[in-house]
Amino acid sequence: MTSIACEQVQGLVRLPLRRHVDARGSFMECWREEQLSQHLGRAVRLVQENQSESLHGVLRGLHYQLEQPQAKLLRVIDGQIQDVVVDLRRSSPTFGQHASVLLSSEHPEQLWIPEGCAHGFLVLSERAVLSYAVTSVYHPASEQVLRWDDPVLSIPWIRVTPEPLLSAKDAAGMRWDEAPTFP
């Protein structure tokens, strides 16, 4: 497995996966602790795995936790998404920048999202199922939502519906100039 760094956000890494297909179906090794640590240049401990299913036009995010920040190892099990990561680390050379990555089950790969970044995605297919493992448990008291359409960030979301489908929490996200950041 060869990793591909995404230069727009420091520490954001694409990890291609290899699917083995034969007449019976397919097999894919999704992650191995020592390989992930080798690609990232540090030990990684994943403590929780989540699965999300969303319909066409749903936009989730941009979420992050101030306390117990989470790094995520994300992959699309079914469907296609536009995945967006915003760097909120003031010490990072890519602070305030974002990366947009198309991910699909047709072209299996994982995305490593480092701690200190806001994360969101837009469903481009009829539905999408995502799996993501995280480095710390969900901490609702410190969850933050950065506004998906903040004009300062100018994220080029792909238009799939006149307006994306949002939760009330995501629709009420903070502007960039209001958002708490990391050191």
Protein backbone atom coordinates (compact mmCIF):
# COMPACT_ATOMS: atom_id res chain seq x y z
CA MET A 1 0.00 0.00 0.00
CA THR A 2 1.35 3.41 -0.99
CA SER A 3 0.05 6.51 0.74
CA ILE A 4 -0.59 9.83 -1.00
CA ALA A 5 -0.26 13.05 0.99
CA CYS A 6 -2.86 15.73 0.29
CA GLU A 7 -0.85 18.95 0.20
CA GLN A 8 -3.81 21.26 0.92
CA VAL A 9 -3.97 20.08 4.56
CA GLN A 10 -0.87 18.95 6.43
CA GLY A 11 -1.22 15.36 7.65
CA LEU A 12 -4.18 14.49 5.40
CA VAL A 13 -3.32 11.21 3.66
CA ARG A 14 -5.06 9.07 1.03
CA LEU A 15 -4.46 5.34 1.48
CA PRO A 16 -5.38 3.24 -1.59
CA LEU A 17 -6.83 -0.18 -0.82
CA ARG A 18 -6.41 -3.36 -2.85
CA ARG A 19 -9.55 -5.37 -3.59
CA HIS A 20 -9.00 -9.04 -4.50
CA VAL A 21 -11.80 -10.26 -6.76
CA ASP A 22 -12.59 -13.76 -7.97
CA ALA A 23 -15.67 -15.76 -8.98
CA ARG A 24 -16.83 -15.97 -5.34
CA GLY A 25 -16.76 -12.22 -4.66
CA SER A 26 -14.05 -10.03 -3.19
CA PHE A 27 -11.79 -9.52 -0.20
CA MET A 28 -10.11 -6.34 1.01
CA GLU A 29 -7.83 -5.73 3.98
CA CYS A 30 -8.97 -2.34 5.27
CA TRP A 31 -6.24 -1.48 7.70
CA ARG A 32 -3.38 -2.95 9.64
CA GLU A 33 -2.06 -1.11 12.69
CA GLU A 34 1.64 -1.39 11.86
CA GLN A 35 1.13 -0.36 8.22
CA LEU A 36 -0.97 2.67 9.16
CA SER A 37 1.60 3.72 11.77
CA GLN A 38 4.38 3.30 9.19
CA HIS A 39 2.57 5.48 6.62
CA LEU A 40 1.88 8.18 9.20
CA GLY A 41 5.30 8.03 10.84
CA ARG A 42 3.82 7.55 14.32
CA ALA A 43 1.92 5.02 16.38
CA VAL A 44 -1.85 5.16 15.99
CA ARG A 45 -4.48 3.73 18.32
CA LEU A 46 -8.03 3.55 17.00
CA VAL A 47 -10.61 3.28 19.81
CA GLN A 48 -14.04 3.47 18.18
CA GLU A 49 -15.53 2.61 14.79
CA ASN A 50 -18.64 4.33 13.42
CA GLN A 51 -20.84 3.74 10.42
CA SER A 52 -22.94 6.41 8.75
CA GLU A 53 -25.61 5.99 6.08
CA SER A 54 -26.91 9.06 4.26
CA LEU A 55 -29.10 9.80 1.27
CA HIS A 56 -28.37 11.78 -1.90
CA GLY A 57 -27.79 15.48 -1.23
CA VAL A 58 -27.15 15.09 2.51
CA LEU A 59 -24.29 17.23 3.80
CA ARG A 60 -22.88 16.32 7.22
CA GLY A 61 -20.42 18.64 8.89
CA LEU A 62 -18.12 20.35 9.26
CA HIS A 63 -17.59 18.71 12.70
CA TYR A 64 -14.74 18.65 15.21
CA GLN A 65 -14.16 18.23 18.95
CA LEU A 66 -12.19 20.73 21.02
CA GLU A 67 -11.57 18.26 23.86
CA GLN A 68 -10.47 14.78 22.89
CA PRO A 69 -9.87 15.76 19.25
CA GLN A 70 -10.31 12.86 16.87
CA ALA A 71 -8.19 11.69 14.00
CA LYS A 72 -10.27 9.59 11.59
CA LEU A 73 -9.57 6.73 9.23
CA LEU A 74 -12.49 6.94 6.82
CA ARG A 75 -13.67 4.88 3.85
CA VAL A 76 -16.79 4.65 1.72
CA ILE A 77 -18.37 1.20 1.87
CA ASP A 78 -21.10 2.00 -0.66
CA GLY A 79 -21.71 5.05 -2.86
CA GLN A 80 -19.78 8.24 -3.55
CA ILE A 81 -19.09 11.37 -1.52
CA GLN A 82 -17.26 14.65 -1.65
CA ASP A 83 -15.20 14.69 1.54
CA VAL A 84 -13.95 18.00 2.92
CA VAL A 85 -11.34 18.66 5.62
CA VAL A 86 -10.53 22.10 7.08
CA ASP A 87 -7.28 22.65 9.03
CA LEU A 88 -7.98 24.35 12.38
CA ARG A 89 -4.43 24.03 13.82
CA ARG A 90 -2.83 27.47 14.17
CA SER A 91 0.63 25.84 14.29
CA SER A 92 0.07 24.11 10.94
CA PRO A 93 1.44 25.62 7.71
CA THR A 94 -1.95 24.83 6.16
CA PHE A 95 -4.04 26.53 8.90
CA GLY A 96 -7.33 27.79 7.45
CA GLN A 97 -6.99 25.79 4.24
CA HIS A 98 -9.27 22.99 3.12
CA ALA A 99 -9.02 19.89 0.97
CA SER A 100 -11.81 18.35 -1.08
CA VAL A 101 -11.53 14.67 -2.02
CA LEU A 102 -13.90 12.46 -4.02
CA LEU A 103 -14.25 9.02 -2.42
CA SER A 104 -16.27 6.07 -3.68
CA SER A 105 -16.77 2.39 -3.12
CA GLU A 106 -15.87 1.80 -6.78
CA HIS A 107 -12.28 3.00 -6.19
CA PRO A 108 -11.51 1.78 -2.66
CA GLU A 109 -9.23 3.92 -0.58
CA GLN A 110 -9.15 5.38 2.90
CA LEU A 111 -8.62 8.92 4.04
CA TRP A 112 -6.58 9.69 7.15
CA ILE A 113 -7.86 12.92 8.72
CA PRO A 114 -5.53 14.28 11.42
CA GLU A 115 -6.56 15.65 14.81
CA GLY A 116 -7.33 19.36 14.79
CA CYS A 117 -9.31 19.37 11.55
CA ALA A 118 -13.01 19.90 10.87
CA HIS A 119 -14.57 17.23 8.69
CA GLY A 120 -17.68 16.95 6.55
CA PHE A 121 -19.03 15.22 3.48
CA LEU A 122 -21.70 15.56 0.81
CA VAL A 123 -23.43 12.48 -0.65
CA LEU A 124 -23.23 12.43 -4.46
CA SER A 125 -24.78 8.99 -5.07
CA GLU A 126 -28.31 7.77 -4.30
CA ARG A 127 -27.00 6.84 -0.86
CA ALA A 128 -23.63 6.41 0.80
CA VAL A 129 -22.41 4.25 3.63
CA LEU A 130 -19.21 5.33 5.40
CA SER A 131 -17.10 3.62 8.00
CA TYR A 132 -14.68 5.59 10.10
CA ALA A 133 -12.47 4.61 13.00
CA VAL A 134 -11.37 7.34 15.40
CA THR A 135 -8.54 7.89 17.89
CA SER A 136 -10.77 9.13 20.74
CA VAL A 137 -14.39 8.57 21.69
CA TYR A 138 -17.21 10.93 20.83
CA HIS A 139 -17.31 13.86 23.27
CA PRO A 140 -20.60 15.70 22.64
CA ALA A 141 -19.91 18.47 25.16
CA SER A 142 -16.96 19.73 23.10
CA GLU A 143 -18.36 19.13 19.61
CA GLN A 144 -18.17 22.13 17.31
CA VAL A 145 -19.72 22.74 13.90
CA LEU A 146 -18.07 24.99 11.36
CA ARG A 147 -20.46 26.47 8.81
CA TRP A 148 -20.34 24.43 5.59
CA ASP A 149 -20.87 27.47 3.35
CA ASP A 150 -18.66 30.00 5.12
CA PRO A 151 -17.66 32.68 2.58
CA VAL A 152 -14.13 33.00 4.00
CA LEU A 153 -13.45 29.30 3.42
CA SER A 154 -15.15 29.28 -0.03
CA ILE A 155 -15.34 25.50 -0.19
CA PRO A 156 -16.28 24.44 -3.75
CA TRP A 157 -19.04 21.98 -2.88
CA ILE A 158 -20.41 19.99 -5.82
CA ARG A 159 -24.02 21.01 -6.54
CA VAL A 160 -26.23 17.92 -6.50
CA THR A 161 -29.44 19.55 -5.25
CA PRO A 162 -30.54 23.21 -5.07
CA GLU A 163 -29.63 23.15 -1.37
CA PRO A 164 -27.98 20.32 0.59
CA LEU A 165 -30.00 18.47 3.22
CA LEU A 166 -28.67 19.52 6.64
CA SER A 167 -29.40 18.68 10.26
CA ALA A 168 -30.49 21.62 12.44
CA LYS A 169 -27.08 21.46 14.16
CA ASP A 170 -25.20 21.68 10.85
CA ALA A 171 -27.43 24.50 9.55
CA ALA A 172 -26.54 26.52 12.67
CA GLY A 173 -22.75 26.08 12.30
CA MET A 174 -20.31 28.83 13.28
CA ARG A 175 -18.61 31.17 10.85
CA TRP A 176 -14.84 30.80 10.39
CA ASP A 177 -14.13 33.98 12.38
CA GLU A 178 -16.17 32.64 15.34
CA ALA A 179 -14.78 29.11 15.40
CA PRO A 180 -12.49 27.99 18.22
CA THR A 181 -9.23 26.61 16.85
CA PHE A 182 -6.35 24.48 18.08
CA PRO A 183 -2.84 25.65 19.07
